[in-house]
Amino acid sequence: MKIVKVIEVIAASDKGFTEATQNAIKEASKTVKNIKSIYIKEMNANVVDQKIISYAVNAKISFELDK
């Protein structure tokens, strides 16, 4: 029987939501193995002078535990 665990992370980027999502996977994979999926729970951006200066995602990352 496979056991799947879920962690919640927040990641950011100054380029876009796609890169923020990739950063979440990149950082999580430093300590978590067998990542199977990522679910973007929330997205937000910070604005200064009518320009977006940073993007962030709140994501749930699912991974299988080793037997």
N, C-alpha and C. Protein backbone atom coordinates (compact mmCIF):
# COMPACT_ATOMS: atom_id res chain seq x y z
N MET A 1 0.84 -1.17 0.00
CA MET A 1 0.00 0.00 0.00
C MET A 1 0.89 1.24 0.00
N LYS A 2 0.60 2.18 -0.89
CA LYS A 2 1.36 3.42 -0.97
C LYS A 2 0.77 4.44 0.00
N ILE A 3 1.66 5.15 0.67
CA ILE A 3 1.26 6.23 1.56
C ILE A 3 1.71 7.53 0.90
N VAL A 4 0.80 8.49 0.78
CA VAL A 4 1.11 9.79 0.19
C VAL A 4 0.97 10.85 1.28
N LYS A 5 1.97 11.70 1.38
CA LYS A 5 1.97 12.78 2.35
C LYS A 5 1.88 14.10 1.60
N VAL A 6 1.29 15.11 2.25
CA VAL A 6 1.14 16.43 1.63
C VAL A 6 1.75 17.47 2.56
N ILE A 7 2.57 18.34 1.97
CA ILE A 7 3.11 19.49 2.70
C ILE A 7 2.64 20.76 2.01
N GLU A 8 2.56 21.83 2.76
CA GLU A 8 2.16 23.11 2.19
C GLU A 8 3.36 24.05 2.23
N VAL A 9 3.63 24.71 1.10
CA VAL A 9 4.77 25.61 0.98
C VAL A 9 4.35 26.92 0.33
N ILE A 10 5.13 27.95 0.56
CA ILE A 10 4.96 29.23 -0.11
C ILE A 10 6.26 29.52 -0.84
N ALA A 11 6.15 29.88 -2.12
CA ALA A 11 7.34 30.19 -2.92
C ALA A 11 7.10 31.44 -3.74
N ALA A 12 8.18 32.13 -4.07
CA ALA A 12 8.05 33.41 -4.77
C ALA A 12 9.00 33.49 -5.96
N SER A 13 8.73 34.49 -6.80
CA SER A 13 9.56 34.78 -7.97
C SER A 13 9.33 36.22 -8.37
N ASP A 14 10.31 36.82 -9.01
CA ASP A 14 10.09 38.16 -9.56
C ASP A 14 9.73 38.10 -11.05
N LYS A 15 9.64 36.87 -11.60
CA LYS A 15 9.36 36.72 -13.03
C LYS A 15 7.93 36.28 -13.34
N GLY A 16 7.31 35.46 -12.47
CA GLY A 16 5.95 35.02 -12.75
C GLY A 16 5.51 33.85 -11.88
N PHE A 17 4.23 33.51 -12.03
CA PHE A 17 3.67 32.41 -11.24
C PHE A 17 4.27 31.06 -11.62
N THR A 18 4.58 30.88 -12.89
CA THR A 18 5.18 29.61 -13.32
C THR A 18 6.52 29.39 -12.64
N GLU A 19 7.34 30.42 -12.60
CA GLU A 19 8.64 30.29 -11.94
C GLU A 19 8.49 30.13 -10.43
N ALA A 20 7.51 30.79 -9.84
CA ALA A 20 7.27 30.62 -8.40
C ALA A 20 6.90 29.16 -8.10
N THR A 21 6.08 28.57 -8.96
CA THR A 21 5.69 27.17 -8.80
C THR A 21 6.91 26.27 -8.95
N GLN A 22 7.73 26.54 -9.94
CA GLN A 22 8.94 25.74 -10.14
C GLN A 22 9.89 25.88 -8.96
N ASN A 23 9.96 27.08 -8.39
CA ASN A 23 10.81 27.30 -7.21
C ASN A 23 10.31 26.48 -6.02
N ALA A 24 9.00 26.34 -5.89
CA ALA A 24 8.44 25.52 -4.82
C ALA A 24 8.91 24.08 -4.95
N ILE A 25 8.84 23.53 -6.16
CA ILE A 25 9.28 22.16 -6.41
C ILE A 25 10.79 22.03 -6.19
N LYS A 26 11.53 22.98 -6.71
CA LYS A 26 13.00 22.94 -6.60
C LYS A 26 13.44 22.93 -5.14
N GLU A 27 12.88 23.81 -4.33
CA GLU A 27 13.27 23.88 -2.92
C GLU A 27 12.79 22.67 -2.14
N ALA A 28 11.55 22.24 -2.37
CA ALA A 28 11.03 21.07 -1.65
C ALA A 28 11.83 19.82 -1.98
N SER A 29 12.26 19.69 -3.22
CA SER A 29 12.98 18.49 -3.64
C SER A 29 14.36 18.37 -3.00
N LYS A 30 14.83 19.42 -2.35
CA LYS A 30 16.12 19.34 -1.64
C LYS A 30 16.02 18.43 -0.42
N THR A 31 14.82 18.33 0.15
CA THR A 31 14.65 17.49 1.35
C THR A 31 13.56 16.44 1.20
N VAL A 32 12.73 16.55 0.17
CA VAL A 32 11.61 15.62 -0.03
C VAL A 32 11.85 14.84 -1.32
N LYS A 33 11.70 13.54 -1.25
CA LYS A 33 11.87 12.68 -2.43
C LYS A 33 10.50 12.16 -2.89
N ASN A 34 10.44 11.64 -4.08
CA ASN A 34 9.24 11.02 -4.66
C ASN A 34 8.07 11.99 -4.80
N ILE A 35 8.36 13.25 -5.17
CA ILE A 35 7.28 14.23 -5.39
C ILE A 35 6.46 13.77 -6.58
N LYS A 36 5.13 13.75 -6.39
CA LYS A 36 4.22 13.27 -7.42
C LYS A 36 3.33 14.35 -8.01
N SER A 37 3.00 15.39 -7.22
CA SER A 37 2.11 16.42 -7.75
C SER A 37 2.23 17.70 -6.93
N ILE A 38 1.76 18.79 -7.55
CA ILE A 38 1.69 20.07 -6.86
C ILE A 38 0.33 20.68 -7.17
N TYR A 39 -0.33 21.18 -6.14
CA TYR A 39 -1.63 21.82 -6.26
C TYR A 39 -1.46 23.27 -5.82
N ILE A 40 -1.77 24.21 -6.70
CA ILE A 40 -1.65 25.62 -6.36
C ILE A 40 -2.93 26.05 -5.66
N LYS A 41 -2.80 26.33 -4.38
CA LYS A 41 -3.94 26.70 -3.55
C LYS A 41 -4.29 28.18 -3.72
N GLU A 42 -3.27 29.04 -3.74
CA GLU A 42 -3.47 30.48 -3.89
C GLU A 42 -2.33 31.08 -4.69
N MET A 43 -2.65 32.19 -5.36
CA MET A 43 -1.64 32.96 -6.09
C MET A 43 -1.82 34.42 -5.68
N ASN A 44 -0.71 35.13 -5.52
CA ASN A 44 -0.82 36.56 -5.25
C ASN A 44 0.41 37.27 -5.79
N ALA A 45 0.25 38.58 -5.93
CA ALA A 45 1.34 39.39 -6.46
C ALA A 45 1.43 40.68 -5.65
N ASN A 46 2.65 41.18 -5.52
CA ASN A 46 2.87 42.47 -4.85
C ASN A 46 3.03 43.56 -5.91
N VAL A 47 2.38 44.69 -5.67
CA VAL A 47 2.36 45.78 -6.65
C VAL A 47 2.95 47.04 -6.04
N VAL A 48 3.82 47.71 -6.81
CA VAL A 48 4.36 49.00 -6.44
C VAL A 48 4.30 49.89 -7.67
N ASP A 49 3.75 51.08 -7.52
CA ASP A 49 3.62 52.03 -8.63
C ASP A 49 2.95 51.40 -9.85
N GLN A 50 1.86 50.71 -9.62
CA GLN A 50 1.05 50.06 -10.65
C GLN A 50 1.80 48.99 -11.44
N LYS A 51 2.88 48.46 -10.87
CA LYS A 51 3.64 47.39 -11.52
C LYS A 51 3.80 46.23 -10.55
N ILE A 52 3.67 45.02 -11.07
CA ILE A 52 3.89 43.82 -10.26
C ILE A 52 5.40 43.68 -10.04
N ILE A 53 5.78 43.57 -8.76
CA ILE A 53 7.21 43.44 -8.45
C ILE A 53 7.58 42.03 -8.00
N SER A 54 6.58 41.24 -7.57
CA SER A 54 6.86 39.85 -7.21
C SER A 54 5.59 39.02 -7.24
N TYR A 55 5.77 37.73 -7.50
CA TYR A 55 4.68 36.77 -7.61
C TYR A 55 4.90 35.69 -6.55
N ALA A 56 3.81 35.17 -6.00
CA ALA A 56 3.95 34.10 -5.00
C ALA A 56 2.83 33.08 -5.15
N VAL A 57 3.14 31.85 -4.78
CA VAL A 57 2.14 30.79 -4.78
C VAL A 57 2.16 30.11 -3.42
N ASN A 58 0.99 29.73 -2.97
CA ASN A 58 0.82 28.88 -1.80
C ASN A 58 0.42 27.53 -2.38
N ALA A 59 1.27 26.54 -2.20
CA ALA A 59 1.08 25.26 -2.90
C ALA A 59 1.12 24.08 -1.95
N LYS A 60 0.39 23.03 -2.35
CA LYS A 60 0.44 21.75 -1.65
C LYS A 60 1.20 20.77 -2.53
N ILE A 61 2.24 20.18 -1.95
CA ILE A 61 3.07 19.23 -2.68
C ILE A 61 2.84 17.84 -2.11
N SER A 62 2.50 16.90 -2.99
CA SER A 62 2.24 15.51 -2.60
C SER A 62 3.44 14.64 -2.96
N PHE A 63 3.78 13.72 -2.04
CA PHE A 63 4.88 12.81 -2.32
C PHE A 63 4.62 11.47 -1.65
N GLU A 64 5.16 10.42 -2.27
CA GLU A 64 5.03 9.07 -1.72
C GLU A 64 6.11 8.81 -0.70
N LEU A 65 5.72 8.20 0.40
CA LEU A 65 6.70 7.80 1.41
C LEU A 65 7.35 6.49 1.01
N ASP A 66 8.62 6.36 1.34
CA ASP A 66 9.33 5.10 1.08
C ASP A 66 8.80 4.04 2.03
N LYS A 67 8.81 2.81 1.55
CA LYS A 67 8.36 1.69 2.39
C LYS A 67 9.38 1.35 3.42
